[in-house]
N, C-alpha and C. Protein backbone atom coordinates (compact mmCIF):
# COMPACT_ATOMS: atom_id res chain seq x y z
N MET A 1 17.56 -9.53 3.59
CA MET A 1 17.41 -9.26 2.12
C MET A 1 18.25 -8.07 1.71
N LYS A 2 19.07 -8.22 0.74
CA LYS A 2 19.82 -7.02 0.24
C LYS A 2 19.02 -6.45 -0.94
N ILE A 3 18.82 -5.12 -0.82
CA ILE A 3 17.98 -4.51 -1.87
C ILE A 3 19.04 -3.92 -2.89
N PRO A 4 18.76 -4.08 -4.27
CA PRO A 4 19.69 -3.67 -5.27
C PRO A 4 20.12 -2.19 -5.05
N GLU A 5 21.46 -1.85 -5.08
CA GLU A 5 21.88 -0.39 -4.99
C GLU A 5 21.96 0.18 -6.37
N MET A 6 21.48 1.56 -6.42
CA MET A 6 21.70 2.27 -7.53
C MET A 6 23.19 2.76 -7.57
N ASN A 7 23.80 2.67 -8.72
CA ASN A 7 25.21 3.13 -8.80
C ASN A 7 25.37 4.39 -9.68
N TYR A 8 24.45 4.60 -10.60
CA TYR A 8 24.63 5.67 -11.51
C TYR A 8 23.27 6.46 -11.67
N CYS A 9 23.35 7.74 -11.90
CA CYS A 9 22.20 8.60 -11.97
C CYS A 9 21.39 8.16 -13.24
N MET A 10 20.14 7.95 -13.02
CA MET A 10 19.28 7.54 -14.15
C MET A 10 18.98 8.73 -15.08
N HIS A 11 19.34 9.94 -14.77
CA HIS A 11 19.17 11.00 -15.66
C HIS A 11 20.44 11.47 -16.44
N CYS A 12 21.51 11.48 -15.82
CA CYS A 12 22.69 11.98 -16.49
C CYS A 12 23.86 10.92 -16.60
N GLY A 13 23.70 9.72 -15.86
CA GLY A 13 24.70 8.78 -15.89
C GLY A 13 25.94 8.90 -14.92
N THR A 14 25.97 9.96 -14.25
CA THR A 14 27.10 10.15 -13.29
C THR A 14 27.08 9.09 -12.21
N LYS A 15 28.29 8.73 -11.78
CA LYS A 15 28.44 7.80 -10.59
C LYS A 15 27.80 8.48 -9.36
N LEU A 16 26.95 7.84 -8.62
CA LEU A 16 26.34 8.32 -7.61
C LEU A 16 27.28 8.27 -6.17
N ILE A 17 27.19 9.16 -5.42
CA ILE A 17 27.78 9.10 -4.01
C ILE A 17 26.78 9.00 -2.95
N ARG A 18 27.13 8.59 -1.73
CA ARG A 18 26.19 8.60 -0.66
C ARG A 18 26.38 9.97 -0.04
N LYS A 19 25.02 10.51 0.42
CA LYS A 19 25.06 11.74 1.07
C LYS A 19 23.98 11.71 1.97
N HIS A 20 24.10 12.29 3.15
CA HIS A 20 23.14 12.31 4.09
C HIS A 20 22.01 13.30 3.94
N LEU A 21 20.81 12.76 4.13
CA LEU A 21 19.48 13.51 3.91
C LEU A 21 18.87 13.43 5.22
N ASP A 22 18.47 14.60 5.84
CA ASP A 22 17.80 14.57 7.16
C ASP A 22 16.54 13.75 6.96
N GLY A 23 16.42 12.83 8.08
CA GLY A 23 15.12 12.09 8.10
C GLY A 23 15.16 10.91 7.12
N GLU A 24 16.12 10.66 6.36
CA GLU A 24 16.17 9.61 5.47
C GLU A 24 17.50 8.78 5.71
N GLY A 25 18.59 9.41 6.16
CA GLY A 25 19.80 8.75 6.26
C GLY A 25 20.69 8.83 5.07
N GLU A 26 21.62 7.97 4.76
CA GLU A 26 22.62 8.05 3.61
C GLU A 26 21.73 7.59 2.42
N ILE A 27 21.72 8.47 1.43
CA ILE A 27 20.96 8.35 0.14
C ILE A 27 21.89 8.58 -1.02
N PRO A 28 21.61 7.74 -2.17
CA PRO A 28 22.43 7.98 -3.35
C PRO A 28 22.17 9.54 -3.85
N TYR A 29 23.23 10.09 -4.19
CA TYR A 29 23.19 11.46 -4.60
C TYR A 29 23.94 11.77 -5.78
N CYS A 30 23.45 12.56 -6.81
CA CYS A 30 24.12 12.77 -8.11
C CYS A 30 24.74 14.26 -7.87
N PRO A 31 26.21 14.25 -7.83
CA PRO A 31 26.75 15.57 -7.73
C PRO A 31 26.51 16.58 -9.06
N THR A 32 26.32 15.79 -10.14
CA THR A 32 26.19 16.55 -11.48
C THR A 32 24.70 17.21 -11.37
N CYS A 33 23.62 16.52 -11.15
CA CYS A 33 22.29 17.02 -11.04
C CYS A 33 22.07 17.78 -9.80
N GLY A 34 22.79 17.49 -8.78
CA GLY A 34 22.46 18.08 -7.35
C GLY A 34 21.27 17.51 -6.95
N GLU A 35 20.91 16.31 -7.11
CA GLU A 35 19.69 15.67 -6.60
C GLU A 35 19.94 14.35 -6.01
N TYR A 36 18.99 14.00 -4.99
CA TYR A 36 19.00 12.76 -4.30
C TYR A 36 18.30 11.71 -5.28
N ARG A 37 18.73 10.52 -5.37
CA ARG A 37 18.21 9.51 -6.16
C ARG A 37 17.78 8.29 -5.44
N PHE A 38 16.40 8.26 -5.29
CA PHE A 38 15.82 7.09 -4.50
C PHE A 38 15.68 5.85 -5.29
N PRO A 39 15.60 4.77 -4.71
CA PRO A 39 15.50 3.54 -5.42
C PRO A 39 14.46 3.46 -6.50
N VAL A 40 14.63 2.84 -7.58
CA VAL A 40 13.79 2.64 -8.69
C VAL A 40 13.48 1.10 -8.73
N PHE A 41 12.25 0.81 -8.87
CA PHE A 41 11.93 -0.71 -8.96
C PHE A 41 10.60 -0.77 -9.77
N ASN A 42 10.26 -2.12 -10.19
CA ASN A 42 9.15 -2.32 -11.00
C ASN A 42 7.88 -2.39 -9.93
N THR A 43 6.70 -2.22 -10.56
CA THR A 43 5.52 -2.50 -9.72
C THR A 43 4.56 -3.38 -10.45
N ALA A 44 4.11 -4.43 -9.89
CA ALA A 44 3.17 -5.28 -10.54
C ALA A 44 1.92 -5.55 -9.69
N VAL A 45 0.97 -6.15 -10.19
CA VAL A 45 -0.24 -6.45 -9.47
C VAL A 45 -0.47 -7.99 -9.71
N SER A 46 -1.07 -8.66 -8.70
CA SER A 46 -1.57 -10.11 -8.79
C SER A 46 -2.87 -10.09 -8.23
N MET A 47 -3.63 -10.97 -8.67
CA MET A 47 -5.15 -11.10 -8.24
C MET A 47 -5.62 -12.37 -7.86
N ILE A 48 -6.28 -12.56 -6.81
CA ILE A 48 -7.08 -13.65 -6.42
C ILE A 48 -8.40 -13.45 -7.06
N VAL A 49 -8.73 -14.08 -8.07
CA VAL A 49 -9.91 -13.80 -8.96
C VAL A 49 -11.02 -14.83 -8.37
N LEU A 50 -12.12 -14.13 -8.01
CA LEU A 50 -13.26 -14.89 -7.42
C LEU A 50 -14.60 -14.66 -8.40
N ASN A 51 -15.27 -15.86 -8.45
CA ASN A 51 -16.50 -15.77 -9.11
C ASN A 51 -17.53 -14.89 -8.33
N GLN A 52 -18.75 -14.62 -8.91
CA GLN A 52 -19.80 -13.93 -8.29
C GLN A 52 -20.16 -14.42 -6.98
N ALA A 53 -20.23 -15.67 -6.79
CA ALA A 53 -20.66 -16.36 -5.63
C ALA A 53 -19.55 -16.33 -4.61
N LYS A 54 -18.39 -15.97 -4.98
CA LYS A 54 -17.28 -15.94 -4.03
C LYS A 54 -16.92 -17.34 -3.36
N ASP A 55 -17.15 -18.32 -4.29
CA ASP A 55 -16.73 -19.71 -3.71
C ASP A 55 -15.82 -20.38 -4.56
N ARG A 56 -15.31 -19.78 -5.73
CA ARG A 56 -14.28 -20.31 -6.47
C ARG A 56 -13.24 -19.27 -6.88
N ILE A 57 -12.03 -19.74 -7.18
CA ILE A 57 -10.82 -19.03 -7.50
C ILE A 57 -10.34 -19.50 -8.92
N LEU A 58 -10.18 -18.48 -9.62
CA LEU A 58 -9.63 -18.69 -11.10
C LEU A 58 -8.05 -18.55 -11.07
N MET A 59 -7.41 -19.62 -11.59
CA MET A 59 -6.07 -19.56 -11.59
C MET A 59 -5.70 -20.01 -12.95
N ILE A 60 -4.42 -19.56 -13.55
CA ILE A 60 -4.00 -19.79 -14.88
C ILE A 60 -2.63 -20.58 -14.92
N ARG A 61 -2.38 -21.08 -16.08
CA ARG A 61 -1.08 -21.63 -16.46
C ARG A 61 -0.61 -20.76 -17.50
N GLN A 62 0.70 -20.41 -17.46
CA GLN A 62 1.24 -19.50 -18.48
C GLN A 62 2.62 -19.82 -18.92
N TYR A 63 3.05 -19.38 -20.06
CA TYR A 63 4.37 -19.45 -20.65
C TYR A 63 4.95 -20.97 -20.58
N GLY A 64 4.10 -21.85 -20.85
CA GLY A 64 4.54 -23.40 -20.86
C GLY A 64 4.61 -23.95 -19.49
N GLY A 65 4.30 -23.33 -18.42
CA GLY A 65 4.45 -23.86 -17.17
C GLY A 65 3.40 -24.94 -16.89
N ASP A 66 3.63 -25.77 -15.98
CA ASP A 66 2.59 -26.94 -15.62
C ASP A 66 1.88 -26.69 -14.38
N GLU A 67 2.33 -25.53 -13.68
CA GLU A 67 1.64 -25.28 -12.36
C GLU A 67 0.67 -24.03 -12.49
N TYR A 68 -0.40 -24.03 -11.59
CA TYR A 68 -1.29 -22.82 -11.54
C TYR A 68 -0.76 -21.74 -10.89
N ILE A 69 -1.00 -20.47 -11.31
CA ILE A 69 -0.55 -19.23 -10.63
C ILE A 69 -1.83 -18.39 -10.71
N LEU A 70 -1.57 -17.16 -10.02
CA LEU A 70 -2.59 -16.09 -10.02
C LEU A 70 -2.41 -15.28 -11.32
N VAL A 71 -3.59 -14.60 -11.64
CA VAL A 71 -3.42 -13.67 -12.78
C VAL A 71 -2.63 -12.56 -12.24
N ALA A 72 -1.70 -11.94 -13.09
CA ALA A 72 -0.84 -11.04 -12.66
C ALA A 72 -0.33 -10.23 -13.86
N GLY A 73 0.24 -8.98 -13.55
CA GLY A 73 0.80 -8.12 -14.70
C GLY A 73 1.54 -6.82 -14.09
N TYR A 74 2.39 -6.28 -14.91
CA TYR A 74 3.03 -5.18 -14.51
C TYR A 74 2.04 -3.89 -14.57
N VAL A 75 2.38 -2.93 -13.61
CA VAL A 75 1.58 -1.66 -13.71
C VAL A 75 2.44 -0.73 -14.82
N ASN A 76 1.67 -0.14 -15.75
CA ASN A 76 2.20 0.71 -16.69
C ASN A 76 2.59 2.06 -16.18
N LYS A 77 3.54 2.73 -16.72
CA LYS A 77 3.85 4.10 -16.36
C LYS A 77 2.57 4.95 -16.37
N GLY A 78 2.30 5.66 -15.44
CA GLY A 78 1.25 6.62 -15.37
C GLY A 78 -0.08 5.80 -14.92
N GLU A 79 -0.14 4.72 -14.72
CA GLU A 79 -1.34 3.89 -14.47
C GLU A 79 -1.54 3.71 -12.88
N ASP A 80 -2.67 3.88 -12.54
CA ASP A 80 -2.91 3.54 -10.92
C ASP A 80 -2.99 1.97 -10.80
N ALA A 81 -2.50 1.42 -9.80
CA ALA A 81 -2.56 -0.05 -9.40
C ALA A 81 -3.89 -0.64 -9.64
N GLU A 82 -4.92 0.09 -9.23
CA GLU A 82 -6.36 -0.53 -9.32
C GLU A 82 -6.75 -0.54 -10.81
N ASP A 83 -6.35 0.37 -11.60
CA ASP A 83 -6.69 0.25 -13.06
C ASP A 83 -5.85 -0.83 -13.79
N ALA A 84 -4.58 -1.11 -13.23
CA ALA A 84 -3.85 -2.14 -13.71
C ALA A 84 -4.49 -3.48 -13.46
N VAL A 85 -5.09 -3.62 -12.24
CA VAL A 85 -5.87 -4.91 -11.86
C VAL A 85 -6.97 -5.10 -12.87
N LYS A 86 -7.74 -4.08 -13.15
CA LYS A 86 -8.83 -4.22 -14.00
C LYS A 86 -8.36 -4.57 -15.47
N ARG A 87 -7.38 -3.96 -15.94
CA ARG A 87 -6.73 -4.10 -17.23
C ARG A 87 -6.28 -5.54 -17.47
N GLU A 88 -5.55 -5.96 -16.37
CA GLU A 88 -4.86 -7.30 -16.55
C GLU A 88 -5.95 -8.44 -16.60
N VAL A 89 -6.99 -8.32 -15.63
CA VAL A 89 -7.95 -9.33 -15.60
C VAL A 89 -8.75 -9.27 -16.96
N SER A 90 -9.02 -8.19 -17.48
CA SER A 90 -9.66 -8.03 -18.74
C SER A 90 -8.87 -8.48 -19.94
N GLU A 91 -7.65 -8.15 -19.99
CA GLU A 91 -6.75 -8.63 -21.12
C GLU A 91 -6.44 -10.13 -21.11
N GLU A 92 -6.11 -10.63 -19.89
CA GLU A 92 -5.80 -11.99 -19.76
C GLU A 92 -6.93 -12.94 -19.79
N MET A 93 -8.20 -12.57 -19.24
CA MET A 93 -9.18 -13.49 -19.07
C MET A 93 -10.63 -12.88 -19.67
N GLY A 94 -10.65 -11.77 -20.19
CA GLY A 94 -11.78 -11.20 -20.67
C GLY A 94 -12.98 -10.99 -19.71
N LEU A 95 -12.62 -10.72 -18.38
CA LEU A 95 -13.59 -10.77 -17.33
C LEU A 95 -13.70 -9.22 -16.91
N ASN A 96 -14.72 -8.90 -16.38
CA ASN A 96 -14.89 -7.50 -15.73
C ASN A 96 -14.66 -7.61 -14.26
N VAL A 97 -13.88 -6.75 -13.68
CA VAL A 97 -13.76 -6.60 -12.24
C VAL A 97 -15.03 -5.71 -11.68
N CYS A 98 -15.64 -6.39 -10.83
CA CYS A 98 -16.87 -5.68 -10.19
C CYS A 98 -16.77 -5.40 -8.66
N GLY A 99 -15.69 -5.89 -8.07
CA GLY A 99 -15.34 -5.69 -6.72
C GLY A 99 -13.89 -5.92 -6.58
N MET A 100 -13.35 -5.19 -5.53
CA MET A 100 -11.93 -5.21 -5.42
C MET A 100 -11.59 -4.93 -3.99
N SER A 101 -10.67 -5.62 -3.33
CA SER A 101 -9.95 -5.27 -2.09
C SER A 101 -8.53 -5.53 -2.09
N PHE A 102 -7.78 -4.61 -1.47
CA PHE A 102 -6.28 -4.70 -1.42
C PHE A 102 -6.11 -5.90 -0.44
N ASN A 103 -5.14 -6.76 -0.77
CA ASN A 103 -4.73 -7.92 0.08
C ASN A 103 -3.51 -7.59 0.82
N ARG A 104 -2.40 -7.53 0.10
CA ARG A 104 -1.11 -7.44 0.80
C ARG A 104 -0.02 -6.96 -0.34
N SER A 105 1.08 -6.48 0.07
CA SER A 105 2.19 -6.13 -0.72
C SER A 105 3.33 -6.91 -0.37
N HIS A 106 4.35 -7.21 -1.22
CA HIS A 106 5.58 -7.70 -0.92
C HIS A 106 6.66 -7.34 -1.94
N TYR A 107 7.82 -6.96 -1.56
CA TYR A 107 8.83 -6.64 -2.50
C TYR A 107 9.58 -8.04 -2.93
N TYR A 108 9.62 -8.36 -4.19
CA TYR A 108 10.19 -9.55 -4.66
C TYR A 108 11.60 -9.17 -5.23
N ALA A 109 12.61 -9.52 -4.57
CA ALA A 109 13.96 -9.14 -4.96
C ALA A 109 14.43 -9.77 -6.38
N PRO A 110 14.09 -11.01 -6.64
CA PRO A 110 14.59 -11.60 -7.98
C PRO A 110 14.34 -10.74 -9.09
N SER A 111 13.13 -9.99 -9.13
CA SER A 111 12.89 -9.27 -10.31
C SER A 111 12.78 -7.66 -9.96
N ASN A 112 13.24 -7.41 -8.81
CA ASN A 112 13.18 -5.94 -8.31
C ASN A 112 11.79 -5.33 -8.45
N THR A 113 10.82 -6.12 -7.99
CA THR A 113 9.43 -5.76 -8.15
C THR A 113 8.70 -5.64 -6.80
N LEU A 114 7.91 -4.57 -6.68
CA LEU A 114 6.93 -4.55 -5.57
C LEU A 114 5.63 -5.13 -6.12
N MET A 115 5.21 -6.15 -5.47
CA MET A 115 4.11 -6.82 -6.00
C MET A 115 2.91 -6.38 -5.00
N LEU A 116 1.74 -5.93 -5.63
CA LEU A 116 0.52 -5.60 -4.90
C LEU A 116 -0.47 -6.62 -5.21
N ASN A 117 -1.01 -7.28 -4.21
CA ASN A 117 -1.93 -8.34 -4.40
C ASN A 117 -3.34 -7.78 -3.93
N TYR A 118 -4.33 -8.19 -4.89
CA TYR A 118 -5.80 -7.82 -4.64
C TYR A 118 -6.64 -9.12 -4.67
N ALA A 119 -7.77 -9.12 -3.99
CA ALA A 119 -8.78 -10.10 -4.26
C ALA A 119 -9.92 -9.26 -5.03
N VAL A 120 -10.33 -9.95 -6.12
CA VAL A 120 -11.23 -9.28 -6.88
C VAL A 120 -12.43 -10.25 -7.18
N THR A 121 -13.72 -9.71 -7.36
CA THR A 121 -14.65 -10.25 -7.86
C THR A 121 -15.01 -10.06 -9.26
N VAL A 122 -15.45 -10.97 -10.11
CA VAL A 122 -15.55 -10.67 -11.51
C VAL A 122 -16.77 -11.15 -12.08
N SER A 123 -17.17 -10.60 -13.27
CA SER A 123 -18.35 -10.98 -13.99
C SER A 123 -18.03 -11.22 -15.51
N GLY A 124 -18.78 -11.82 -16.20
CA GLY A 124 -18.52 -11.94 -17.64
C GLY A 124 -18.18 -13.41 -18.06
N GLU A 125 -17.92 -13.65 -19.20
CA GLU A 125 -17.50 -14.93 -19.77
C GLU A 125 -16.06 -14.92 -20.01
N GLU A 126 -15.28 -15.83 -19.34
CA GLU A 126 -13.93 -15.92 -19.46
C GLU A 126 -13.49 -16.44 -20.81
N HIS A 127 -12.30 -15.87 -21.21
CA HIS A 127 -11.58 -16.41 -22.31
C HIS A 127 -10.22 -15.99 -22.26
N ASN A 128 -9.20 -16.73 -22.50
CA ASN A 128 -7.80 -16.32 -22.40
C ASN A 128 -7.30 -15.76 -23.59
N ASN A 129 -6.10 -14.95 -23.51
CA ASN A 129 -5.48 -14.37 -24.78
C ASN A 129 -4.23 -15.33 -24.91
N SER A 130 -3.30 -14.82 -25.78
CA SER A 130 -2.13 -15.65 -26.10
C SER A 130 -1.12 -15.76 -24.92
N GLU A 131 -1.32 -14.94 -23.91
CA GLU A 131 -0.41 -14.98 -22.67
C GLU A 131 -0.76 -16.16 -21.77
N VAL A 132 -1.95 -16.61 -21.88
CA VAL A 132 -2.53 -17.65 -21.01
C VAL A 132 -2.65 -18.97 -21.63
N ASP A 133 -1.84 -20.03 -21.18
CA ASP A 133 -2.09 -21.26 -21.80
C ASP A 133 -3.31 -22.03 -21.53
N SER A 134 -3.62 -21.91 -20.25
CA SER A 134 -4.96 -22.57 -19.77
C SER A 134 -5.41 -21.99 -18.45
N TRP A 135 -6.71 -22.23 -18.11
CA TRP A 135 -7.10 -21.69 -16.89
C TRP A 135 -8.14 -22.71 -16.28
N ALA A 136 -8.42 -22.51 -14.98
CA ALA A 136 -9.60 -23.28 -14.43
C ALA A 136 -10.01 -22.70 -13.18
N TRP A 137 -11.49 -22.95 -12.77
CA TRP A 137 -11.88 -22.43 -11.48
C TRP A 137 -11.66 -23.52 -10.46
N PHE A 138 -11.32 -23.16 -9.30
CA PHE A 138 -11.12 -24.20 -8.22
C PHE A 138 -11.81 -23.82 -6.88
N THR A 139 -12.17 -24.68 -6.12
CA THR A 139 -12.68 -24.34 -4.85
C THR A 139 -11.44 -23.82 -3.93
N PHE A 140 -11.84 -23.34 -2.83
CA PHE A 140 -10.71 -22.69 -2.02
C PHE A 140 -9.60 -23.86 -1.76
N GLU A 141 -10.13 -24.93 -1.36
CA GLU A 141 -9.33 -26.05 -1.05
C GLU A 141 -8.50 -26.61 -2.20
N GLU A 142 -9.12 -26.65 -3.40
CA GLU A 142 -8.43 -27.10 -4.64
C GLU A 142 -7.37 -26.10 -4.95
N ALA A 143 -7.67 -24.88 -4.87
CA ALA A 143 -6.70 -23.84 -5.20
C ALA A 143 -5.51 -23.84 -4.27
N ARG A 144 -5.79 -24.01 -2.94
CA ARG A 144 -4.64 -24.19 -2.00
C ARG A 144 -3.74 -25.45 -2.39
N GLU A 145 -4.31 -26.49 -2.91
CA GLU A 145 -3.48 -27.65 -3.26
C GLU A 145 -2.82 -27.46 -4.59
N ARG A 146 -3.48 -26.68 -5.62
CA ARG A 146 -2.90 -26.59 -6.99
C ARG A 146 -1.97 -25.56 -7.33
N ILE A 147 -1.95 -24.38 -6.36
CA ILE A 147 -1.10 -23.28 -6.63
C ILE A 147 0.45 -23.62 -6.69
N ARG A 148 1.19 -22.94 -7.43
CA ARG A 148 2.52 -23.35 -7.59
C ARG A 148 3.32 -23.18 -6.23
N LYS A 149 4.09 -24.24 -6.00
CA LYS A 149 4.73 -24.42 -4.71
C LYS A 149 5.84 -23.44 -4.53
N ASN A 150 6.13 -23.07 -3.35
CA ASN A 150 7.16 -22.04 -3.11
C ASN A 150 7.14 -20.92 -3.96
N SER A 151 5.97 -20.29 -4.18
CA SER A 151 5.90 -19.09 -4.97
C SER A 151 5.18 -18.00 -4.26
N LEU A 152 5.43 -16.67 -4.69
CA LEU A 152 4.83 -15.53 -4.09
C LEU A 152 3.27 -15.68 -4.20
N ALA A 153 2.88 -16.22 -5.42
CA ALA A 153 1.33 -16.54 -5.58
C ALA A 153 0.84 -17.30 -4.41
N LYS A 154 1.50 -18.32 -4.06
CA LYS A 154 1.06 -19.11 -2.97
C LYS A 154 0.97 -18.50 -1.64
N ALA A 155 2.02 -17.59 -1.35
CA ALA A 155 2.03 -16.81 -0.14
C ALA A 155 0.85 -15.98 -0.07
N PHE A 156 0.58 -15.17 -1.23
CA PHE A 156 -0.52 -14.32 -1.27
C PHE A 156 -1.90 -15.01 -1.14
N LEU A 157 -2.07 -16.19 -1.77
CA LEU A 157 -3.27 -17.05 -1.69
C LEU A 157 -3.61 -17.58 -0.25
N LEU A 158 -2.47 -18.19 0.30
CA LEU A 158 -2.74 -18.79 1.63
C LEU A 158 -2.78 -17.62 2.73
N GLY A 159 -2.30 -16.52 2.54
CA GLY A 159 -2.43 -15.46 3.44
C GLY A 159 -3.78 -15.04 3.37
N TRP A 160 -4.41 -14.80 2.20
CA TRP A 160 -5.75 -14.39 2.03
C TRP A 160 -6.63 -15.39 2.67
N LEU A 161 -6.45 -16.75 2.38
CA LEU A 161 -7.24 -17.82 2.89
C LEU A 161 -7.20 -17.99 4.36
N ASP A 162 -6.02 -17.84 4.84
CA ASP A 162 -5.78 -18.32 6.30
C ASP A 162 -5.69 -17.16 7.27
N GLY A 163 -5.45 -15.93 6.70
CA GLY A 163 -5.31 -14.67 7.56
C GLY A 163 -3.82 -14.44 8.14
N VAL A 164 -2.94 -15.31 7.64
CA VAL A 164 -1.48 -15.17 8.10
C VAL A 164 -0.66 -15.27 6.85
N PHE A 165 0.15 -14.23 6.61
CA PHE A 165 1.14 -14.29 5.45
C PHE A 165 2.48 -14.71 5.88
N VAL A 166 3.03 -15.69 5.10
CA VAL A 166 4.29 -16.26 5.44
C VAL A 166 5.11 -16.07 4.06
N PHE A 167 6.14 -15.16 4.10
CA PHE A 167 7.02 -14.95 2.96
C PHE A 167 8.26 -15.63 3.46
N PRO A 168 9.16 -16.12 2.52
CA PRO A 168 10.31 -16.74 2.94
C PRO A 168 11.26 -15.90 3.63
N ASP A 169 11.25 -14.61 3.34
CA ASP A 169 12.40 -13.62 3.84
C ASP A 169 11.72 -12.74 5.03
N LYS A 170 10.55 -13.06 5.58
CA LYS A 170 9.94 -12.25 6.67
C LYS A 170 9.25 -13.22 7.52
N PRO A 171 9.06 -12.85 8.82
CA PRO A 171 8.29 -13.52 9.82
C PRO A 171 6.82 -13.52 9.38
N ALA A 172 5.98 -14.47 9.86
CA ALA A 172 4.66 -14.55 9.55
C ALA A 172 3.94 -13.28 10.25
N GLU A 173 2.89 -12.71 9.40
CA GLU A 173 2.20 -11.52 9.84
C GLU A 173 0.67 -11.84 9.60
N PRO A 174 -0.09 -11.31 10.59
CA PRO A 174 -1.54 -11.47 10.43
C PRO A 174 -2.04 -10.68 9.21
N CYS A 175 -3.24 -11.00 8.77
CA CYS A 175 -3.86 -10.42 7.53
C CYS A 175 -4.13 -9.02 7.84
N ARG A 176 -4.08 -8.04 6.88
CA ARG A 176 -4.43 -6.69 6.99
C ARG A 176 -5.10 -6.29 5.64
N SER A 177 -6.19 -6.73 5.41
CA SER A 177 -6.88 -6.48 4.18
C SER A 177 -7.62 -5.00 4.38
N VAL A 178 -7.59 -4.28 3.22
CA VAL A 178 -8.27 -2.96 3.23
C VAL A 178 -9.22 -2.98 2.07
N SER A 179 -10.59 -2.72 2.19
CA SER A 179 -11.51 -2.73 1.11
C SER A 179 -11.23 -1.39 0.41
N ILE A 180 -11.48 -1.52 -0.96
CA ILE A 180 -11.33 -0.34 -1.78
C ILE A 180 -12.66 -0.20 -2.58
């Protein structure tokens, strides 16, 4: 997988050159600012949303799509990922996160985004906002069957369910969940 290259300084606009940095290798460098420029990318969160009994998964349809996906959203500047998880679940579904564990991360090249996936337990009465077309609770097996095919959401969900993550651009890896 080729990672997008930075060509110009994000601060002054000068064309970057490659310069060796000990311990890092060849890094984009701005001769005007005299600073190394490390890659810039988006950060987003996606959530496997579980009910209190932890036997159902909430999935949504969004932006006119006819397939189910996980609740997700971008991390705002200055916001911790865990706070973004709580905010997105609340904004999109009106639910409160009462338990959270980190599931897995994956860099998604098409949108230059590092996606952080969490499993969350929620409470409250669900309602969607204008970003969500519809939603439904599914058993684990129903969720496995209904999640959008060939999607990052499916890779995260199946990895969480089966303990092995299979991303199209990487070999399969055993689950490495961390409780938060």
